[in-house]
Amino acid sequence: MVLIDELILQGVQMTGVLLLPPLLLGVTRKIKARLLRRRGASVFQPYRDLLRLLHKRPVMAENASWLFRAAPYLIFAFTWSAAVLVPTFATGLVLGRSADLVAIIALLAAARFVLALAGMDVGTSFGGIGSSREMMIAALAEPAMMMVVFTLALIAGSTQLFAIAAYMASSAVGLRVSLGLSFLALMIVALAENGRIPVDNPATHLELTMVHEAMVLEYSGRYLALIELASAMKLLLYVSLIGCIFLPWTLVPAAGGWGACILSFLFYIGKLTAAGAVLALFETSIAKMRVFRVPDFLNVALMMGLLATLLLFVSKGF
């Protein structure tokens, strides 16, 4: 029965990370509109947009290759696989034993690589610009992310998310400067990876500033729906990752009973709502920076991750 319960909970998590990302986007957009004194669309509008795209016939360029057609499915598969590995409301699930931070970064890097190739496949100028900017951001964000992983691995003694969450929830973690620096670095990387302000503005399509939108301009129909759902899933992944590592107290073991799991799932919904509100408040309080300033912004995350790792060797008491 324990295995059956774990399988059911794993199915709930897999379904949740598939259905909740549009709701997270809808909540963020709604709160952002309210902060700007606008009514805003319904929080369920992203679901309607995805359904409308799924019912449309995709239109592709004549010189599009097989990679252009296969890229949306690969991007969706890689992103969903990475999102499933991150514990959301319960630990000790069937796939939770494979929840390694290095594996999650590798899956996200594979999805980014496929998206960049698809952006250059048709040969448009916008696609090439977007792919080059995406690779520039990745070249700076991935080292910063790896430094965060090294810091957490040195503190918790493992790169497994369930082990990191268990250690962070215990009293042994204490107050560490390295964890604060890692948290700030991870926040900066999350903003850059998801194309949010101040790195990119997902609400505009200005050719001088857009990154993600430039690579998907040639997509339509169900292909565009898969890419947009994968992008929303990536945002939920980073929110879940931050909550799992730095706010792990609401996570419960899968063997703890259905009541505890349901309560933990409700807490997880609260985390998503709070994250959407904080993201909306942040984006309405700051302006988008110039593209040439993005490397400086990401270098801050890299230096924070490096300092967090070095501080562990300087003093174990911090």
C-alpha atoms as a PDB file:
ATOM      1  CA  MET A   1       0.000   0.000   0.000  1.00  0.00           C
ATOM      2  CA  VAL A   2       2.870   2.360   0.679  1.00  0.00           C
ATOM      3  CA  LEU A   3       4.128   1.975  -2.885  1.00  0.00           C
ATOM      4  CA  ILE A   4       0.633   2.565  -4.267  1.00  0.00           C
ATOM      5  CA  ASP A   5       0.274   5.730  -2.196  1.00  0.00           C
ATOM      6  CA  GLU A   6       3.659   6.966  -3.430  1.00  0.00           C
ATOM      7  CA  LEU A   7       2.636   6.295  -7.027  1.00  0.00           C
ATOM      8  CA  ILE A   8      -0.628   8.177  -6.559  1.00  0.00           C
ATOM      9  CA  LEU A   9       1.135  11.125  -4.922  1.00  0.00           C
ATOM     10  CA  GLN A  10       3.724  11.105  -7.697  1.00  0.00           C
ATOM     11  CA  GLY A  11       0.911  11.262 -10.236  1.00  0.00           C
ATOM     12  CA  VAL A  12      -0.636  14.167  -8.344  1.00  0.00           C
ATOM     13  CA  GLN A  13       2.682  16.032  -8.416  1.00  0.00           C
ATOM     14  CA  MET A  14       3.193  15.345 -12.125  1.00  0.00           C
ATOM     15  CA  THR A  15      -0.311  16.606 -12.851  1.00  0.00           C
ATOM     16  CA  GLY A  16       0.130  19.602 -10.575  1.00  0.00           C
ATOM     17  CA  VAL A  17       3.309  20.867 -12.232  1.00  0.00           C
ATOM     18  CA  LEU A  18       1.485  20.510 -15.556  1.00  0.00           C
ATOM     19  CA  LEU A  19      -1.736  22.319 -14.629  1.00  0.00           C
ATOM     20  CA  LEU A  20      -0.579  24.952 -12.121  1.00  0.00           C
ATOM     21  CA  PRO A  21       1.937  26.982 -14.218  1.00  0.00           C
ATOM     22  CA  PRO A  22      -0.758  28.898 -16.186  1.00  0.00           C
ATOM     23  CA  LEU A  23      -2.476  29.720 -12.908  1.00  0.00           C
ATOM     24  CA  LEU A  24       0.782  31.120 -11.521  1.00  0.00           C
ATOM     25  CA  LEU A  25       1.090  33.329 -14.585  1.00  0.00           C
ATOM     26  CA  GLY A  26      -2.528  34.410 -14.278  1.00  0.00           C
ATOM     27  CA  VAL A  27      -2.141  35.367 -10.623  1.00  0.00           C
ATOM     28  CA  THR A  28       1.051  37.295 -11.359  1.00  0.00           C
ATOM     29  CA  ARG A  29      -0.551  39.219 -14.220  1.00  0.00           C
ATOM     30  CA  LYS A  30      -3.692  39.940 -12.206  1.00  0.00           C
ATOM     31  CA  ILE A  31      -1.789  41.318  -9.214  1.00  0.00           C
ATOM     32  CA  LYS A  32       0.492  43.304 -11.507  1.00  0.00           C
ATOM     33  CA  ALA A  33      -2.536  44.843 -13.235  1.00  0.00           C
ATOM     34  CA  ARG A  34      -4.078  45.771  -9.889  1.00  0.00           C
ATOM     35  CA  LEU A  35      -0.853  47.418  -8.770  1.00  0.00           C
ATOM     36  CA  LEU A  36      -0.927  49.459 -11.997  1.00  0.00           C
ATOM     37  CA  ARG A  37      -4.553  50.477 -11.281  1.00  0.00           C
ATOM     38  CA  ARG A  38      -5.936  48.358 -14.099  1.00  0.00           C
ATOM     39  CA  ARG A  39      -8.626  45.711 -13.929  1.00  0.00           C
ATOM     40  CA  GLY A  40      -6.604  43.054 -15.703  1.00  0.00           C
ATOM     41  CA  ALA A  41      -7.658  39.762 -17.228  1.00  0.00           C
ATOM     42  CA  SER A  42      -8.935  36.788 -15.278  1.00  0.00           C
ATOM     43  CA  VAL A  43      -6.424  34.568 -13.517  1.00  0.00           C
ATOM     44  CA  PHE A  44      -7.665  31.769 -15.799  1.00  0.00           C
ATOM     45  CA  GLN A  45      -6.881  33.691 -19.003  1.00  0.00           C
ATOM     46  CA  PRO A  46      -3.611  31.756 -19.635  1.00  0.00           C
ATOM     47  CA  TYR A  47      -5.644  28.546 -19.768  1.00  0.00           C
ATOM     48  CA  ARG A  48      -7.921  30.071 -22.402  1.00  0.00           C
ATOM     49  CA  ASP A  49      -4.920  31.257 -24.410  1.00  0.00           C
ATOM     50  CA  LEU A  50      -3.374  27.788 -24.397  1.00  0.00           C
ATOM     51  CA  LEU A  51      -6.647  26.125 -25.403  1.00  0.00           C
ATOM     52  CA  ARG A  52      -7.085  28.601 -28.240  1.00  0.00           C
ATOM     53  CA  LEU A  53      -3.580  27.896 -29.507  1.00  0.00           C
ATOM     54  CA  LEU A  54      -4.121  24.141 -29.273  1.00  0.00           C
ATOM     55  CA  HIS A  55      -7.163  24.420 -31.558  1.00  0.00           C
ATOM     56  CA  LYS A  56      -5.272  26.423 -34.176  1.00  0.00           C
ATOM     57  CA  ARG A  57      -3.426  24.877 -37.086  1.00  0.00           C
ATOM     58  CA  PRO A  58       0.318  25.596 -36.948  1.00  0.00           C
ATOM     59  CA  VAL A  59       1.784  27.616 -39.812  1.00  0.00           C
ATOM     60  CA  MET A  60       5.463  27.081 -40.547  1.00  0.00           C
ATOM     61  CA  ALA A  61       8.037  28.465 -42.947  1.00  0.00           C
ATOM     62  CA  GLU A  62       8.793  26.482 -46.083  1.00  0.00           C
ATOM     63  CA  ASN A  63      12.433  25.985 -45.139  1.00  0.00           C
ATOM     64  CA  ALA A  64      11.678  24.701 -41.627  1.00  0.00           C
ATOM     65  CA  SER A  65      13.454  21.427 -40.913  1.00  0.00           C
ATOM     66  CA  TRP A  66      12.442  18.451 -38.788  1.00  0.00           C
ATOM     67  CA  LEU A  67      14.168  20.071 -35.823  1.00  0.00           C
ATOM     68  CA  PHE A  68      11.776  23.010 -35.976  1.00  0.00           C
ATOM     69  CA  ARG A  69       8.823  20.614 -35.725  1.00  0.00           C
ATOM     70  CA  ALA A  70      10.339  18.408 -33.029  1.00  0.00           C
ATOM     71  CA  ALA A  71      11.711  21.242 -30.851  1.00  0.00           C
ATOM     72  CA  PRO A  72       8.421  22.112 -29.054  1.00  0.00           C
ATOM     73  CA  TYR A  73       7.926  18.503 -27.979  1.00  0.00           C
ATOM     74  CA  LEU A  74      11.538  18.180 -26.817  1.00  0.00           C
ATOM     75  CA  ILE A  75      11.434  21.480 -24.925  1.00  0.00           C
ATOM     76  CA  PHE A  76       8.202  20.474 -23.225  1.00  0.00           C
ATOM     77  CA  ALA A  77       9.540  17.003 -22.338  1.00  0.00           C
ATOM     78  CA  PHE A  78      12.826  18.292 -20.902  1.00  0.00           C
ATOM     79  CA  THR A  79      11.135  21.031 -18.869  1.00  0.00           C
ATOM     80  CA  TRP A  80       8.394  18.765 -17.545  1.00  0.00           C
ATOM     81  CA  SER A  81      10.960  16.129 -16.574  1.00  0.00           C
ATOM     82  CA  ALA A  82      12.939  18.728 -14.633  1.00  0.00           C
ATOM     83  CA  ALA A  83       9.828  20.164 -12.945  1.00  0.00           C
ATOM     84  CA  VAL A  84       8.646  16.718 -11.848  1.00  0.00           C
ATOM     85  CA  LEU A  85      11.927  16.081 -10.022  1.00  0.00           C
ATOM     86  CA  VAL A  86      11.532  19.102  -7.725  1.00  0.00           C
ATOM     87  CA  PRO A  87       9.565  18.235  -4.547  1.00  0.00           C
ATOM     88  CA  THR A  88       6.504  20.458  -4.325  1.00  0.00           C
ATOM     89  CA  PHE A  89       4.474  19.248  -1.353  1.00  0.00           C
ATOM     90  CA  ALA A  90       5.872  15.803  -0.434  1.00  0.00           C
ATOM     91  CA  THR A  91       9.248  14.086  -0.270  1.00  0.00           C
ATOM     92  CA  GLY A  92      10.151  10.452  -0.663  1.00  0.00           C
ATOM     93  CA  LEU A  93       8.179   9.961  -3.882  1.00  0.00           C
ATOM     94  CA  VAL A  94       9.112   7.457  -6.565  1.00  0.00           C
ATOM     95  CA  LEU A  95      10.904   9.990  -8.770  1.00  0.00           C
ATOM     96  CA  GLY A  96      12.135  11.978  -5.785  1.00  0.00           C
ATOM     97  CA  ARG A  97      15.141   9.682  -5.495  1.00  0.00           C
ATOM     98  CA  SER A  98      16.312  11.043  -8.862  1.00  0.00           C
ATOM     99  CA  ALA A  99      15.855  14.684  -7.837  1.00  0.00           C
ATOM    100  CA  ASP A 100      19.452  15.771  -8.223  1.00  0.00           C
ATOM    101  CA  LEU A 101      20.220  19.457  -8.727  1.00  0.00           C
ATOM    102  CA  VAL A 102      22.846  18.716 -11.364  1.00  0.00           C
ATOM    103  CA  ALA A 103      20.361  16.592 -13.324  1.00  0.00           C
ATOM    104  CA  ILE A 104      17.745  19.365 -13.164  1.00  0.00           C
ATOM    105  CA  ILE A 105      20.245  21.927 -14.466  1.00  0.00           C
ATOM    106  CA  ALA A 106      21.226  19.550 -17.266  1.00  0.00           C
ATOM    107  CA  LEU A 107      17.596  19.054 -18.326  1.00  0.00           C
ATOM    108  CA  LEU A 108      16.977  22.799 -18.386  1.00  0.00           C
ATOM    109  CA  ALA A 109      20.181  23.320 -20.372  1.00  0.00           C
ATOM    110  CA  ALA A 110      19.047  20.713 -22.913  1.00  0.00           C
ATOM    111  CA  ALA A 111      15.699  22.499 -23.328  1.00  0.00           C
ATOM    112  CA  ARG A 112      17.484  25.825 -23.784  1.00  0.00           C
ATOM    113  CA  PHE A 113      19.846  24.327 -26.358  1.00  0.00           C
ATOM    114  CA  VAL A 114      16.963  22.925 -28.409  1.00  0.00           C
ATOM    115  CA  LEU A 115      15.091  26.235 -28.229  1.00  0.00           C
ATOM    116  CA  ALA A 116      18.138  28.165 -29.424  1.00  0.00           C
ATOM    117  CA  LEU A 117      18.591  25.771 -32.349  1.00  0.00           C
ATOM    118  CA  ALA A 118      14.921  26.111 -33.269  1.00  0.00           C
ATOM    119  CA  GLY A 119      15.216  29.903 -33.184  1.00  0.00           C
ATOM    120  CA  MET A 120      18.039  29.787 -35.757  1.00  0.00           C
ATOM    121  CA  ASP A 121      16.525  27.015 -37.889  1.00  0.00           C
ATOM    122  CA  VAL A 122      14.325  29.172 -40.118  1.00  0.00           C
ATOM    123  CA  GLY A 123      17.060  31.754 -40.619  1.00  0.00           C
ATOM    124  CA  THR A 124      15.224  34.915 -39.565  1.00  0.00           C
ATOM    125  CA  SER A 125      17.131  37.794 -38.027  1.00  0.00           C
ATOM    126  CA  PHE A 126      14.930  37.904 -34.927  1.00  0.00           C
ATOM    127  CA  GLY A 127      15.468  34.213 -34.260  1.00  0.00           C
ATOM    128  CA  GLY A 128      19.229  34.589 -34.527  1.00  0.00           C
ATOM    129  CA  ILE A 129      19.246  37.614 -32.209  1.00  0.00           C
ATOM    130  CA  GLY A 130      17.096  35.850 -29.640  1.00  0.00           C
ATOM    131  CA  SER A 131      19.217  32.679 -29.736  1.00  0.00           C
ATOM    132  CA  SER A 132      22.479  34.591 -29.337  1.00  0.00           C
ATOM    133  CA  ARG A 133      21.101  36.554 -26.393  1.00  0.00           C
ATOM    134  CA  GLU A 134      19.749  33.373 -24.815  1.00  0.00           C
ATOM    135  CA  MET A 135      23.152  31.726 -25.055  1.00  0.00           C
ATOM    136  CA  MET A 136      24.819  34.823 -23.614  1.00  0.00           C
ATOM    137  CA  ILE A 137      22.492  34.707 -20.607  1.00  0.00           C
ATOM    138  CA  ALA A 138      23.000  30.951 -20.233  1.00  0.00           C
ATOM    139  CA  ALA A 139      26.786  31.284 -20.315  1.00  0.00           C
ATOM    140  CA  LEU A 140      26.592  33.507 -17.233  1.00  0.00           C
ATOM    141  CA  ALA A 141      23.564  32.051 -15.436  1.00  0.00           C
ATOM    142  CA  GLU A 142      24.651  28.404 -15.490  1.00  0.00           C
ATOM    143  CA  PRO A 143      28.016  28.989 -13.724  1.00  0.00           C
ATOM    144  CA  ALA A 144      26.206  31.037 -11.072  1.00  0.00           C
ATOM    145  CA  MET A 145      23.686  28.232 -10.651  1.00  0.00           C
ATOM    146  CA  MET A 146      26.455  25.668 -10.328  1.00  0.00           C
ATOM    147  CA  MET A 147      28.139  27.728  -7.610  1.00  0.00           C
ATOM    148  CA  VAL A 148      24.848  27.742  -5.720  1.00  0.00           C
ATOM    149  CA  VAL A 149      24.672  23.960  -6.126  1.00  0.00           C
ATOM    150  CA  PHE A 150      28.239  23.584  -4.830  1.00  0.00           C
ATOM    151  CA  THR A 151      27.408  25.720  -1.806  1.00  0.00           C
ATOM    152  CA  LEU A 152      24.300  23.720  -0.954  1.00  0.00           C
ATOM    153  CA  ALA A 153      26.156  20.448  -1.513  1.00  0.00           C
ATOM    154  CA  LEU A 154      28.938  21.499   0.856  1.00  0.00           C
ATOM    155  CA  ILE A 155      26.425  22.519   3.518  1.00  0.00           C
ATOM    156  CA  ALA A 156      24.007  19.592   3.238  1.00  0.00           C
ATOM    157  CA  GLY A 157      26.529  17.007   2.063  1.00  0.00           C
ATOM    158  CA  SER A 158      24.489  16.035  -1.001  1.00  0.00           C
ATOM    159  CA  THR A 159      23.062  17.369  -4.262  1.00  0.00           C
ATOM    160  CA  GLN A 160      19.833  15.412  -3.758  1.00  0.00           C
ATOM    161  CA  LEU A 161      16.927  17.766  -3.174  1.00  0.00           C
ATOM    162  CA  PHE A 162      15.275  15.615  -0.513  1.00  0.00           C
ATOM    163  CA  ALA A 163      18.531  15.556   1.483  1.00  0.00           C
ATOM    164  CA  ILE A 164      18.991  19.321   1.110  1.00  0.00           C
ATOM    165  CA  ALA A 165      15.375  19.977   2.134  1.00  0.00           C
ATOM    166  CA  ALA A 166      15.704  17.681   5.168  1.00  0.00           C
ATOM    167  CA  TYR A 167      18.904  19.394   6.292  1.00  0.00           C
ATOM    168  CA  MET A 168      17.499  22.893   5.742  1.00  0.00           C
ATOM    169  CA  ALA A 169      14.413  22.015   7.790  1.00  0.00           C
ATOM    170  CA  SER A 170      16.520  20.776  10.709  1.00  0.00           C
ATOM    171  CA  SER A 171      18.049  22.863  13.490  1.00  0.00           C
ATOM    172  CA  ALA A 172      21.577  21.949  12.372  1.00  0.00           C
ATOM    173  CA  VAL A 173      21.601  24.474   9.539  1.00  0.00           C
ATOM    174  CA  GLY A 174      21.873  27.536  11.783  1.00  0.00           C
ATOM    175  CA  LEU A 175      22.424  31.048  10.476  1.00  0.00           C
ATOM    176  CA  ARG A 176      24.866  31.133   7.567  1.00  0.00           C
ATOM    177  CA  VAL A 177      25.952  34.015   5.373  1.00  0.00           C
ATOM    178  CA  SER A 178      26.572  31.501   2.573  1.00  0.00           C
ATOM    179  CA  LEU A 179      22.891  30.580   2.488  1.00  0.00           C
ATOM    180  CA  GLY A 180      21.870  34.226   2.204  1.00  0.00           C
ATOM    181  CA  LEU A 181      24.253  34.800  -0.682  1.00  0.00           C
ATOM    182  CA  SER A 182      23.060  31.587  -2.353  1.00  0.00           C
ATOM    183  CA  PHE A 183      19.452  32.689  -1.995  1.00  0.00           C
ATOM    184  CA  LEU A 184      20.125  36.049  -3.645  1.00  0.00           C
ATOM    185  CA  ALA A 185      22.148  34.403  -6.427  1.00  0.00           C
ATOM    186  CA  LEU A 186      19.370  31.896  -7.081  1.00  0.00           C
ATOM    187  CA  MET A 187      16.796  34.711  -7.250  1.00  0.00           C
ATOM    188  CA  ILE A 188      18.868  36.563  -9.858  1.00  0.00           C
ATOM    189  CA  VAL A 189      19.344  33.390 -11.902  1.00  0.00           C
ATOM    190  CA  ALA A 190      15.604  32.671 -11.723  1.00  0.00           C
ATOM    191  CA  LEU A 191      14.765  36.126 -13.075  1.00  0.00           C
ATOM    192  CA  ALA A 192      17.259  35.760 -15.919  1.00  0.00           C
ATOM    193  CA  GLU A 193      16.316  32.202 -16.851  1.00  0.00           C
ATOM    194  CA  ASN A 194      12.613  33.042 -17.023  1.00  0.00           C
ATOM    195  CA  GLY A 195      13.085  36.270 -18.947  1.00  0.00           C
ATOM    196  CA  ARG A 196      11.481  38.454 -16.287  1.00  0.00           C
ATOM    197  CA  ILE A 197      12.152  42.096 -15.503  1.00  0.00           C
ATOM    198  CA  PRO A 198      14.823  43.502 -15.275  1.00  0.00           C
ATOM    199  CA  VAL A 199      16.417  41.054 -17.767  1.00  0.00           C
ATOM    200  CA  ASP A 200      13.511  40.822 -20.209  1.00  0.00           C
ATOM    201  CA  ASN A 201       9.898  41.953 -20.364  1.00  0.00           C
ATOM    202  CA  PRO A 202       7.542  39.081 -21.253  1.00  0.00           C
ATOM    203  CA  ALA A 203       4.676  41.525 -21.929  1.00  0.00           C
ATOM    204  CA  THR A 204       6.353  43.227 -24.911  1.00  0.00           C
ATOM    205  CA  HIS A 205       7.736  42.241 -28.303  1.00  0.00           C
ATOM    206  CA  LEU A 206      10.264  45.005 -28.894  1.00  0.00           C
ATOM    207  CA  GLU A 207      12.936  43.798 -31.285  1.00  0.00           C
ATOM    208  CA  LEU A 208      15.665  45.685 -29.433  1.00  0.00           C
ATOM    209  CA  THR A 209      15.002  43.985 -26.101  1.00  0.00           C
ATOM    210  CA  MET A 210      13.167  40.679 -26.520  1.00  0.00           C
ATOM    211  CA  VAL A 211      14.942  37.380 -25.892  1.00  0.00           C
ATOM    212  CA  HIS A 212      12.469  34.529 -25.466  1.00  0.00           C
ATOM    213  CA  GLU A 213       9.842  36.020 -27.775  1.00  0.00           C
ATOM    214  CA  ALA A 214      12.393  36.440 -30.575  1.00  0.00           C
ATOM    215  CA  MET A 215      13.065  32.697 -30.706  1.00  0.00           C
ATOM    216  CA  VAL A 216       9.390  31.703 -30.875  1.00  0.00           C
ATOM    217  CA  LEU A 217       8.075  34.303 -33.335  1.00  0.00           C
ATOM    218  CA  GLU A 218       7.867  31.694 -36.103  1.00  0.00           C
ATOM    219  CA  TYR A 219       5.814  29.269 -34.017  1.00  0.00           C
ATOM    220  CA  SER A 220       2.029  29.114 -33.923  1.00  0.00           C
ATOM    221  CA  GLY A 221      -0.765  26.748 -33.019  1.00  0.00           C
ATOM    222  CA  ARG A 222      -0.031  23.741 -30.847  1.00  0.00           C
ATOM    223  CA  TYR A 223       3.724  24.253 -31.222  1.00  0.00           C
ATOM    224  CA  LEU A 224       3.502  27.688 -29.635  1.00  0.00           C
ATOM    225  CA  ALA A 225       1.180  26.323 -26.932  1.00  0.00           C
ATOM    226  CA  LEU A 226       3.746  23.687 -25.936  1.00  0.00           C
ATOM    227  CA  ILE A 227       6.551  26.261 -25.790  1.00  0.00           C
ATOM    228  CA  GLU A 228       4.492  28.733 -23.760  1.00  0.00           C
ATOM    229  CA  LEU A 229       3.407  25.993 -21.351  1.00  0.00           C
ATOM    230  CA  ALA A 230       7.034  24.898 -20.969  1.00  0.00           C
ATOM    231  CA  SER A 231       8.037  28.503 -20.262  1.00  0.00           C
ATOM    232  CA  ALA A 232       5.363  28.821 -17.571  1.00  0.00           C
ATOM    233  CA  MET A 233       6.419  25.445 -16.167  1.00  0.00           C
ATOM    234  CA  LYS A 234       9.994  26.695 -15.914  1.00  0.00           C
ATOM    235  CA  LEU A 235       8.836  29.628 -13.792  1.00  0.00           C
ATOM    236  CA  LEU A 236       6.960  27.255 -11.499  1.00  0.00           C
ATOM    237  CA  LEU A 237      10.049  25.047 -11.331  1.00  0.00           C
ATOM    238  CA  TYR A 238      12.209  27.856  -9.979  1.00  0.00           C
ATOM    239  CA  VAL A 239       9.529  28.908  -7.497  1.00  0.00           C
ATOM    240  CA  SER A 240       9.248  25.304  -6.317  1.00  0.00           C
ATOM    241  CA  LEU A 241      13.040  25.010  -6.143  1.00  0.00           C
ATOM    242  CA  ILE A 242      13.379  28.120  -3.988  1.00  0.00           C
ATOM    243  CA  GLY A 243      10.557  26.916  -1.753  1.00  0.00           C
ATOM    244  CA  CYS A 244      12.017  23.422  -1.468  1.00  0.00           C
ATOM    245  CA  ILE A 245      15.493  24.643  -0.515  1.00  0.00           C
ATOM    246  CA  PHE A 246      14.874  27.777   1.538  1.00  0.00           C
ATOM    247  CA  LEU A 247      11.294  27.180   2.788  1.00  0.00           C
ATOM    248  CA  PRO A 248      11.165  23.405   3.265  1.00  0.00           C
ATOM    249  CA  TRP A 249       9.152  23.322   6.498  1.00  0.00           C
ATOM    250  CA  THR A 250       5.825  22.626   4.754  1.00  0.00           C
ATOM    251  CA  LEU A 251       7.144  19.542   2.943  1.00  0.00           C
ATOM    252  CA  VAL A 252       5.973  16.256   4.433  1.00  0.00           C
ATOM    253  CA  PRO A 253       7.100  12.654   3.846  1.00  0.00           C
ATOM    254  CA  ALA A 254       4.957  10.667   1.437  1.00  0.00           C
ATOM    255  CA  ALA A 255       4.386   8.113   4.191  1.00  0.00           C
ATOM    256  CA  GLY A 256       3.004  10.764   6.536  1.00  0.00           C
ATOM    257  CA  GLY A 257      -0.616  10.180   5.511  1.00  0.00           C
ATOM    258  CA  TRP A 258      -3.091  11.748   3.127  1.00  0.00           C
ATOM    259  CA  GLY A 259      -4.160  14.433   5.566  1.00  0.00           C
ATOM    260  CA  ALA A 260      -0.651  15.808   5.942  1.00  0.00           C
ATOM    261  CA  CYS A 261      -0.085  15.654   2.172  1.00  0.00           C
ATOM    262  CA  ILE A 262      -3.309  17.548   1.443  1.00  0.00           C
ATOM    263  CA  LEU A 263      -2.378  20.227   3.994  1.00  0.00           C
ATOM    264  CA  SER A 264       1.114  20.464   2.500  1.00  0.00           C
ATOM    265  CA  PHE A 265      -0.385  20.841  -0.985  1.00  0.00           C
ATOM    266  CA  LEU A 266      -2.514  23.741   0.258  1.00  0.00           C
ATOM    267  CA  PHE A 267       0.614  25.347   1.714  1.00  0.00           C
ATOM    268  CA  TYR A 268       2.272  24.866  -1.677  1.00  0.00           C
ATOM    269  CA  ILE A 269      -0.581  26.728  -3.380  1.00  0.00           C
ATOM    270  CA  GLY A 270      -0.022  29.495  -0.853  1.00  0.00           C
ATOM    271  CA  LYS A 271       3.674  29.590  -1.738  1.00  0.00           C
ATOM    272  CA  LEU A 272       2.826  29.976  -5.421  1.00  0.00           C
ATOM    273  CA  THR A 273       0.371  32.781  -4.683  1.00  0.00           C
ATOM    274  CA  ALA A 274       2.900  34.600  -2.498  1.00  0.00           C
ATOM    275  CA  ALA A 275       5.605  34.161  -5.139  1.00  0.00           C
ATOM    276  CA  GLY A 276       3.298  35.585  -7.805  1.00  0.00           C
ATOM    277  CA  ALA A 277       2.527  38.584  -5.612  1.00  0.00           C
ATOM    278  CA  VAL A 278       6.209  39.237  -4.838  1.00  0.00           C
ATOM    279  CA  LEU A 279       7.131  38.903  -8.516  1.00  0.00           C
ATOM    280  CA  ALA A 280       4.371  41.304  -9.560  1.00  0.00           C
ATOM    281  CA  LEU A 281       5.413  43.832  -6.909  1.00  0.00           C
ATOM    282  CA  PHE A 282       9.049  43.576  -7.973  1.00  0.00           C
ATOM    283  CA  GLU A 283       8.275  44.016 -11.671  1.00  0.00           C
ATOM    284  CA  THR A 284       6.135  47.090 -11.047  1.00  0.00           C
ATOM    285  CA  SER A 285       8.829  48.654  -8.875  1.00  0.00           C
ATOM    286  CA  ILE A 286      11.804  48.342 -11.198  1.00  0.00           C
ATOM    287  CA  ALA A 287      12.504  49.165 -14.831  1.00  0.00           C
ATOM    288  CA  LYS A 288      13.973  46.848 -17.414  1.00  0.00           C
ATOM    289  CA  MET A 289      17.697  47.258 -17.868  1.00  0.00           C
ATOM    290  CA  ARG A 290      19.520  47.532 -21.165  1.00  0.00           C
ATOM    291  CA  VAL A 291      20.627  44.311 -22.832  1.00  0.00           C
ATOM    292  CA  PHE A 292      24.291  45.239 -22.448  1.00  0.00           C
ATOM    293  CA  ARG A 293      23.811  45.585 -18.686  1.00  0.00           C
ATOM    294  CA  VAL A 294      22.511  42.027 -18.300  1.00  0.00           C
ATOM    295  CA  PRO A 295      26.029  40.486 -18.039  1.00  0.00           C
ATOM    296  CA  ASP A 296      26.818  42.799 -15.123  1.00  0.00           C
ATOM    297  CA  PHE A 297      23.577  41.754 -13.437  1.00  0.00           C
ATOM    298  CA  LEU A 298      24.391  38.063 -13.827  1.00  0.00           C
ATOM    299  CA  ASN A 299      27.994  38.579 -12.763  1.00  0.00           C
ATOM    300  CA  VAL A 300      26.609  39.728  -9.415  1.00  0.00           C
ATOM    301  CA  ALA A 301      24.931  36.322  -9.041  1.00  0.00           C
ATOM    302  CA  LEU A 302      28.143  34.565 -10.030  1.00  0.00           C
ATOM    303  CA  MET A 303      30.193  36.517  -7.492  1.00  0.00           C
ATOM    304  CA  MET A 304      27.600  35.857  -4.775  1.00  0.00           C
ATOM    305  CA  GLY A 305      27.727  32.133  -5.501  1.00  0.00           C
ATOM    306  CA  LEU A 306      31.507  32.179  -5.467  1.00  0.00           C
ATOM    307  CA  LEU A 307      31.638  34.117  -2.201  1.00  0.00           C
ATOM    308  CA  ALA A 308      29.111  31.734  -0.664  1.00  0.00           C
ATOM    309  CA  THR A 309      31.365  28.801  -1.506  1.00  0.00           C
ATOM    310  CA  LEU A 310      34.517  30.525  -0.268  1.00  0.00           C
ATOM    311  CA  LEU A 311      32.910  31.547   3.018  1.00  0.00           C
ATOM    312  CA  LEU A 312      32.290  27.900   3.836  1.00  0.00           C
ATOM    313  CA  PHE A 313      36.022  27.346   3.844  1.00  0.00           C
ATOM    314  CA  VAL A 314      36.793  30.538   5.727  1.00  0.00           C
ATOM    315  CA  SER A 315      34.390  29.984   8.612  1.00  0.00           C
ATOM    316  CA  LYS A 316      32.060  27.090   9.341  1.00  0.00           C
ATOM    317  CA  GLY A 317      30.293  29.058  12.024  1.00  0.00           C
ATOM    318  CA  PHE A 318      28.706  31.645   9.749  1.00  0.00           C
END
